[in-house]
Amino acid sequence: MKLTPDQIQQSLQAHPAWRYEDGQLVRAYTFRNFKEAFAFLATAALVSEQLDHHAEIWNVYNRVTLKLSTHDAGGVTEKDFRWIALVDGL
């Protein structure tokens, strides 16, 4: 079930590095180098497969940007926040 903007903002309090932008949850990461960025992406891919939920991913050298929403629901759901909790724990 799609969350309301108020529910999203409340849930984001537990994930302050993430923001709600254009109907998606967004976070940018910066690593020391490409190797660390790519290792993070590989581990995030395993989380995505585990939850059968995949983010939009951009990687340029040591920078990774993730955008996440539940396309089937047409917006952000609890599934997105489960994914974020696992990825934030990496």
Protein backbone atom coordinates (compact mmCIF):
# COMPACT_ATOMS: atom_id res chain seq x y z
CA MET A 1 0.00 0.00 0.00
CA LYS A 2 1.31 3.43 -1.00
CA LEU A 3 2.29 5.63 1.94
CA THR A 4 1.05 9.20 2.33
CA PRO A 5 3.57 12.07 2.29
CA ASP A 6 3.11 12.45 6.06
CA GLN A 7 3.81 8.73 6.63
CA ILE A 8 6.89 8.98 4.43
CA GLN A 9 8.24 11.99 6.31
CA GLN A 10 7.65 10.24 9.62
CA SER A 11 9.45 7.10 8.43
CA LEU A 12 12.35 9.19 7.08
CA GLN A 13 13.09 10.38 10.62
CA ALA A 14 14.74 6.99 11.19
CA HIS A 15 16.79 7.43 7.99
CA PRO A 16 18.01 11.06 7.97
CA ALA A 17 20.45 10.55 5.08
CA TRP A 18 17.51 9.81 2.77
CA ARG A 19 15.13 12.37 1.29
CA TYR A 20 11.78 12.23 -0.46
CA GLU A 21 12.03 13.77 -3.91
CA ASP A 22 9.75 13.52 -6.96
CA GLY A 23 7.82 10.58 -5.53
CA GLN A 24 10.93 8.56 -4.66
CA LEU A 25 13.31 8.04 -1.79
CA VAL A 26 16.80 9.28 -2.70
CA ARG A 27 20.23 8.97 -1.15
CA ALA A 28 23.73 9.82 -2.36
CA TYR A 29 26.80 8.03 -1.00
CA THR A 30 30.45 8.96 -1.36
CA PHE A 31 33.15 6.34 -0.86
CA ARG A 32 36.95 6.59 -0.76
CA ASN A 33 37.31 5.06 -4.22
CA PHE A 34 35.62 3.10 -7.00
CA LYS A 35 36.45 -0.26 -5.42
CA GLU A 36 34.53 0.61 -2.23
CA ALA A 37 31.60 2.04 -4.21
CA PHE A 38 31.39 -1.09 -6.33
CA ALA A 39 31.62 -3.39 -3.28
CA PHE A 40 28.70 -1.49 -1.76
CA LEU A 41 26.72 -1.88 -4.99
CA ALA A 42 27.39 -5.61 -5.11
CA THR A 43 26.11 -6.04 -1.56
CA ALA A 44 23.08 -3.81 -2.22
CA ALA A 45 22.31 -6.00 -5.25
CA LEU A 46 22.11 -9.02 -2.95
CA VAL A 47 19.63 -7.17 -0.72
CA SER A 48 17.61 -6.29 -3.82
CA GLU A 49 17.46 -9.92 -4.89
CA GLN A 50 16.56 -11.05 -1.37
CA LEU A 51 13.60 -8.65 -1.20
CA ASP A 52 12.81 -8.84 -4.95
CA HIS A 53 12.91 -5.04 -4.90
CA HIS A 54 15.35 -3.03 -6.99
CA ALA A 55 16.49 0.58 -6.79
CA GLU A 56 17.53 2.87 -9.61
CA ILE A 57 21.30 3.12 -9.30
CA TRP A 58 23.84 5.63 -10.63
CA ASN A 59 27.54 5.17 -10.06
CA VAL A 60 30.32 7.56 -11.06
CA TYR A 61 33.74 6.60 -9.69
CA ASN A 62 33.34 6.87 -5.89
CA ARG A 63 29.78 8.24 -5.87
CA VAL A 64 26.59 6.19 -5.77
CA THR A 65 23.07 7.59 -5.95
CA LEU A 66 20.05 5.42 -5.21
CA LYS A 67 16.40 6.17 -5.99
CA LEU A 68 13.71 3.89 -4.68
CA SER A 69 9.95 3.49 -4.93
CA THR A 70 7.53 0.61 -5.38
CA HIS A 71 6.51 0.86 -9.02
CA ASP A 72 3.61 -1.60 -8.65
CA ALA A 73 2.07 0.63 -5.98
CA GLY A 74 2.82 3.88 -7.79
CA GLY A 75 4.88 5.37 -4.96
CA VAL A 76 6.71 4.73 -1.72
CA THR A 77 5.64 1.79 0.46
CA GLU A 78 6.84 -0.02 3.57
CA LYS A 79 8.77 -2.34 1.23
CA ASP A 80 11.01 0.62 0.34
CA PHE A 81 11.75 1.30 3.99
CA ARG A 82 12.56 -2.40 4.62
CA TRP A 83 15.05 -2.19 1.73
CA ILE A 84 16.54 1.05 3.11
CA ALA A 85 16.96 -0.43 6.59
CA LEU A 86 18.96 -3.35 5.17
CA VAL A 87 21.08 -1.22 2.85
CA ASP A 88 21.78 1.39 5.53
CA GLY A 89 23.13 -1.45 7.66
CA LEU A 90 25.80 -2.34 5.09
